[in-house]
Amino acid sequence: MPKLIIKWQRLVYDSTTCPRCSSTEIEIEKAFLKLKEALKHLDIEVILEKYALNQDEFKKNPLASNSILINNKPLEDWLDAETGRSRCCSVCGDEDCRTIQIKGRIYETIPENLIIKASLIAASELISANKGHQFLSVKK
């Protein structure tokens, strides 16, 4: 059974994360439940993996926080989006946090619909890779 693996990581400091990562976690949970239900009918297993970055890891690479990989490819790549950054909160300190931009719109929290859209694109590649290019012929 092919697997659609969604990996999400965020800064966790003193058992706390920033508001945008907290909001993204809610969105990714909703997306995961919907994808798991929908894709089981296509025999695709959906797996959600969450990783906590410590403060040292975050300081080395602040844009690693609130990042989503779908089958090891950044969400931005699936959606033809860009990675950005903006000031966040006291948990993040002086570092700017990850944002994404699609068609001029900036998202600090990654919404459920974008996670689902990127995941469905990735799932379509799994279907193609596992079943080849099969075409139905219709007799007239």
C-alpha atoms as a PDB file:
ATOM      1  CA  MET A   1       0.000   0.000   0.000  1.00  0.00           C
ATOM      2  CA  PRO A   2       1.507   3.357  -0.991  1.00  0.00           C
ATOM      3  CA  LYS A   3       2.051   5.864   1.786  1.00  0.00           C
ATOM      4  CA  LEU A   4       1.467   9.588   1.829  1.00  0.00           C
ATOM      5  CA  ILE A   5       3.718  10.881   4.594  1.00  0.00           C
ATOM      6  CA  ILE A   6       3.108  14.357   5.950  1.00  0.00           C
ATOM      7  CA  LYS A   7       5.947  15.612   8.146  1.00  0.00           C
ATOM      8  CA  TRP A   8       5.500  18.779  10.158  1.00  0.00           C
ATOM      9  CA  GLN A   9       8.007  20.402  12.449  1.00  0.00           C
ATOM     10  CA  ARG A  10       7.913  23.398  14.699  1.00  0.00           C
ATOM     11  CA  LEU A  11       9.816  25.069  17.488  1.00  0.00           C
ATOM     12  CA  VAL A  12       8.889  23.843  20.950  1.00  0.00           C
ATOM     13  CA  TYR A  13      10.453  25.760  23.813  1.00  0.00           C
ATOM     14  CA  ASP A  14       9.546  25.124  27.434  1.00  0.00           C
ATOM     15  CA  SER A  15       6.533  23.042  26.265  1.00  0.00           C
ATOM     16  CA  THR A  16       5.278  26.025  24.231  1.00  0.00           C
ATOM     17  CA  THR A  17       5.194  26.885  20.558  1.00  0.00           C
ATOM     18  CA  CYS A  18       4.300  30.089  18.757  1.00  0.00           C
ATOM     19  CA  PRO A  19       0.724  31.058  17.832  1.00  0.00           C
ATOM     20  CA  ARG A  20       1.192  30.407  14.114  1.00  0.00           C
ATOM     21  CA  CYS A  21       2.561  26.914  14.744  1.00  0.00           C
ATOM     22  CA  SER A  22      -0.251  26.218  17.206  1.00  0.00           C
ATOM     23  CA  SER A  23      -2.788  27.286  14.575  1.00  0.00           C
ATOM     24  CA  THR A  24      -1.051  25.251  11.876  1.00  0.00           C
ATOM     25  CA  GLU A  25      -1.209  22.198  14.131  1.00  0.00           C
ATOM     26  CA  ILE A  26      -4.998  22.510  14.312  1.00  0.00           C
ATOM     27  CA  GLU A  27      -5.165  22.885  10.517  1.00  0.00           C
ATOM     28  CA  ILE A  28      -2.855  19.946   9.831  1.00  0.00           C
ATOM     29  CA  GLU A  29      -4.859  17.698  12.171  1.00  0.00           C
ATOM     30  CA  LYS A  30      -8.093  18.553  10.338  1.00  0.00           C
ATOM     31  CA  ALA A  31      -6.440  17.974   6.956  1.00  0.00           C
ATOM     32  CA  PHE A  32      -4.933  14.677   8.107  1.00  0.00           C
ATOM     33  CA  LEU A  33      -8.286  13.278   9.234  1.00  0.00           C
ATOM     34  CA  LYS A  34      -9.956  14.220   5.944  1.00  0.00           C
ATOM     35  CA  LEU A  35      -7.103  12.894   3.830  1.00  0.00           C
ATOM     36  CA  LYS A  36      -6.909   9.651   5.775  1.00  0.00           C
ATOM     37  CA  GLU A  37     -10.608   9.008   5.168  1.00  0.00           C
ATOM     38  CA  ALA A  38     -10.605  10.055   1.511  1.00  0.00           C
ATOM     39  CA  LEU A  39      -7.422   8.320   0.432  1.00  0.00           C
ATOM     40  CA  LYS A  40      -8.173   4.977   2.083  1.00  0.00           C
ATOM     41  CA  HIS A  41     -10.598   4.418  -0.801  1.00  0.00           C
ATOM     42  CA  LEU A  42      -7.620   4.679  -3.143  1.00  0.00           C
ATOM     43  CA  ASP A  43      -5.567   2.298  -0.974  1.00  0.00           C
ATOM     44  CA  ILE A  44      -3.203   5.076   0.114  1.00  0.00           C
ATOM     45  CA  GLU A  45      -2.162   5.155   3.746  1.00  0.00           C
ATOM     46  CA  VAL A  46      -1.802   8.672   5.166  1.00  0.00           C
ATOM     47  CA  ILE A  47       0.736   9.135   7.948  1.00  0.00           C
ATOM     48  CA  LEU A  48       1.270  12.309   9.975  1.00  0.00           C
ATOM     49  CA  GLU A  49       4.635  12.748  11.684  1.00  0.00           C
ATOM     50  CA  LYS A  50       5.262  15.677  14.022  1.00  0.00           C
ATOM     51  CA  TYR A  51       8.698  16.820  15.075  1.00  0.00           C
ATOM     52  CA  ALA A  52       9.681  19.323  17.725  1.00  0.00           C
ATOM     53  CA  LEU A  53      12.675  21.553  17.077  1.00  0.00           C
ATOM     54  CA  ASN A  54      14.607  22.688  20.105  1.00  0.00           C
ATOM     55  CA  GLN A  55      15.799  26.255  20.473  1.00  0.00           C
ATOM     56  CA  ASP A  56      19.307  25.524  19.157  1.00  0.00           C
ATOM     57  CA  GLU A  57      17.943  23.848  16.013  1.00  0.00           C
ATOM     58  CA  PHE A  58      15.557  26.753  15.504  1.00  0.00           C
ATOM     59  CA  LYS A  59      18.305  29.379  15.860  1.00  0.00           C
ATOM     60  CA  LYS A  60      20.407  27.554  13.250  1.00  0.00           C
ATOM     61  CA  ASN A  61      17.515  27.463  10.790  1.00  0.00           C
ATOM     62  CA  PRO A  62      14.382  29.427  11.783  1.00  0.00           C
ATOM     63  CA  LEU A  63      12.657  28.573   8.494  1.00  0.00           C
ATOM     64  CA  ALA A  64      12.691  24.911   9.496  1.00  0.00           C
ATOM     65  CA  SER A  65       9.931  25.697  11.978  1.00  0.00           C
ATOM     66  CA  ASN A  66       6.356  25.341  10.757  1.00  0.00           C
ATOM     67  CA  SER A  67       7.543  23.497   7.672  1.00  0.00           C
ATOM     68  CA  ILE A  68       5.483  20.767   6.074  1.00  0.00           C
ATOM     69  CA  LEU A  69       6.966  18.056   3.888  1.00  0.00           C
ATOM     70  CA  ILE A  70       4.716  15.786   1.883  1.00  0.00           C
ATOM     71  CA  ASN A  71       6.547  12.661   0.774  1.00  0.00           C
ATOM     72  CA  ASN A  72       9.797  14.519   1.529  1.00  0.00           C
ATOM     73  CA  LYS A  73       8.940  17.458  -0.714  1.00  0.00           C
ATOM     74  CA  PRO A  74       8.100  20.887   0.765  1.00  0.00           C
ATOM     75  CA  LEU A  75       4.460  21.916   0.647  1.00  0.00           C
ATOM     76  CA  GLU A  76       5.554  25.042  -1.244  1.00  0.00           C
ATOM     77  CA  ASP A  77       6.938  22.911  -4.082  1.00  0.00           C
ATOM     78  CA  TRP A  78       3.651  21.034  -4.506  1.00  0.00           C
ATOM     79  CA  LEU A  79       1.742  24.325  -4.704  1.00  0.00           C
ATOM     80  CA  ASP A  80       4.224  26.424  -6.683  1.00  0.00           C
ATOM     81  CA  ALA A  81       4.444  28.724  -3.668  1.00  0.00           C
ATOM     82  CA  GLU A  82       7.305  30.673  -2.132  1.00  0.00           C
ATOM     83  CA  THR A  83       8.778  30.523   1.343  1.00  0.00           C
ATOM     84  CA  GLY A  84       8.881  33.801   3.219  1.00  0.00           C
ATOM     85  CA  ARG A  85       9.494  35.039   6.728  1.00  0.00           C
ATOM     86  CA  SER A  86       8.066  37.504   9.187  1.00  0.00           C
ATOM     87  CA  ARG A  87       8.356  38.506  12.829  1.00  0.00           C
ATOM     88  CA  CYS A  88       6.383  36.215  15.110  1.00  0.00           C
ATOM     89  CA  CYS A  89       6.361  36.261  18.923  1.00  0.00           C
ATOM     90  CA  SER A  90       8.360  36.011  22.128  1.00  0.00           C
ATOM     91  CA  VAL A  91       8.728  32.213  21.822  1.00  0.00           C
ATOM     92  CA  CYS A  92      10.638  32.751  18.566  1.00  0.00           C
ATOM     93  CA  GLY A  93      12.705  35.611  19.976  1.00  0.00           C
ATOM     94  CA  ASP A  94      14.483  37.793  17.460  1.00  0.00           C
ATOM     95  CA  GLU A  95      14.142  35.292  14.629  1.00  0.00           C
ATOM     96  CA  ASP A  96      11.673  35.676  11.778  1.00  0.00           C
ATOM     97  CA  CYS A  97       9.418  32.667  11.269  1.00  0.00           C
ATOM     98  CA  ARG A  98       8.363  30.810   8.149  1.00  0.00           C
ATOM     99  CA  THR A  99       5.478  31.978   5.990  1.00  0.00           C
ATOM    100  CA  ILE A 100       4.347  30.873   2.570  1.00  0.00           C
ATOM    101  CA  GLN A 101       3.176  33.032  -0.281  1.00  0.00           C
ATOM    102  CA  ILE A 102       0.869  31.926  -3.065  1.00  0.00           C
ATOM    103  CA  LYS A 103      -0.264  34.300  -5.793  1.00  0.00           C
ATOM    104  CA  GLY A 104       0.551  37.355  -3.697  1.00  0.00           C
ATOM    105  CA  ARG A 105      -1.184  36.109  -0.544  1.00  0.00           C
ATOM    106  CA  ILE A 106       0.946  35.497   2.552  1.00  0.00           C
ATOM    107  CA  TYR A 107       0.029  32.758   5.017  1.00  0.00           C
ATOM    108  CA  GLU A 108       1.530  32.678   8.512  1.00  0.00           C
ATOM    109  CA  THR A 109      -0.682  29.752   9.517  1.00  0.00           C
ATOM    110  CA  ILE A 110      -0.830  27.022   6.883  1.00  0.00           C
ATOM    111  CA  PRO A 111      -4.551  26.458   6.241  1.00  0.00           C
ATOM    112  CA  GLU A 112      -6.191  23.063   5.949  1.00  0.00           C
ATOM    113  CA  ASN A 113      -7.212  23.610   2.314  1.00  0.00           C
ATOM    114  CA  LEU A 114      -3.609  24.188   1.193  1.00  0.00           C
ATOM    115  CA  ILE A 115      -2.398  21.104   3.064  1.00  0.00           C
ATOM    116  CA  ILE A 116      -5.141  19.035   1.435  1.00  0.00           C
ATOM    117  CA  LYS A 117      -4.462  20.462  -2.022  1.00  0.00           C
ATOM    118  CA  ALA A 118      -0.725  19.726  -1.836  1.00  0.00           C
ATOM    119  CA  SER A 119      -1.409  16.253  -0.441  1.00  0.00           C
ATOM    120  CA  LEU A 120      -3.855  15.408  -3.224  1.00  0.00           C
ATOM    121  CA  ILE A 121      -1.298  16.437  -5.833  1.00  0.00           C
ATOM    122  CA  ALA A 122       1.239  14.173  -4.127  1.00  0.00           C
ATOM    123  CA  ALA A 123      -1.327  11.361  -3.914  1.00  0.00           C
ATOM    124  CA  SER A 124      -2.018  11.630  -7.640  1.00  0.00           C
ATOM    125  CA  GLU A 125       1.682  11.015  -8.276  1.00  0.00           C
ATOM    126  CA  LEU A 126       1.548   7.938  -6.036  1.00  0.00           C
ATOM    127  CA  ILE A 127      -1.369   6.582  -8.037  1.00  0.00           C
ATOM    128  CA  SER A 128       0.442   7.167 -11.330  1.00  0.00           C
ATOM    129  CA  ALA A 129       3.655   5.603 -10.045  1.00  0.00           C
ATOM    130  CA  ASN A 130       1.941   2.523  -8.645  1.00  0.00           C
ATOM    131  CA  LYS A 131      -0.521   1.823 -11.415  1.00  0.00           C
ATOM    132  CA  GLY A 132       1.379   3.106 -14.396  1.00  0.00           C
ATOM    133  CA  HIS A 133      -0.413   5.001 -17.083  1.00  0.00           C
ATOM    134  CA  GLN A 134      -3.495   2.917 -17.585  1.00  0.00           C
ATOM    135  CA  PHE A 135      -6.183   4.103 -19.892  1.00  0.00           C
ATOM    136  CA  LEU A 136      -9.643   2.759 -20.249  1.00  0.00           C
ATOM    137  CA  SER A 137     -10.790   1.990 -23.731  1.00  0.00           C
ATOM    138  CA  VAL A 138     -14.426   2.489 -24.442  1.00  0.00           C
ATOM    139  CA  LYS A 139     -16.060   0.590 -27.276  1.00  0.00           C
ATOM    140  CA  LYS A 140     -18.476   2.563 -29.354  1.00  0.00           C
END
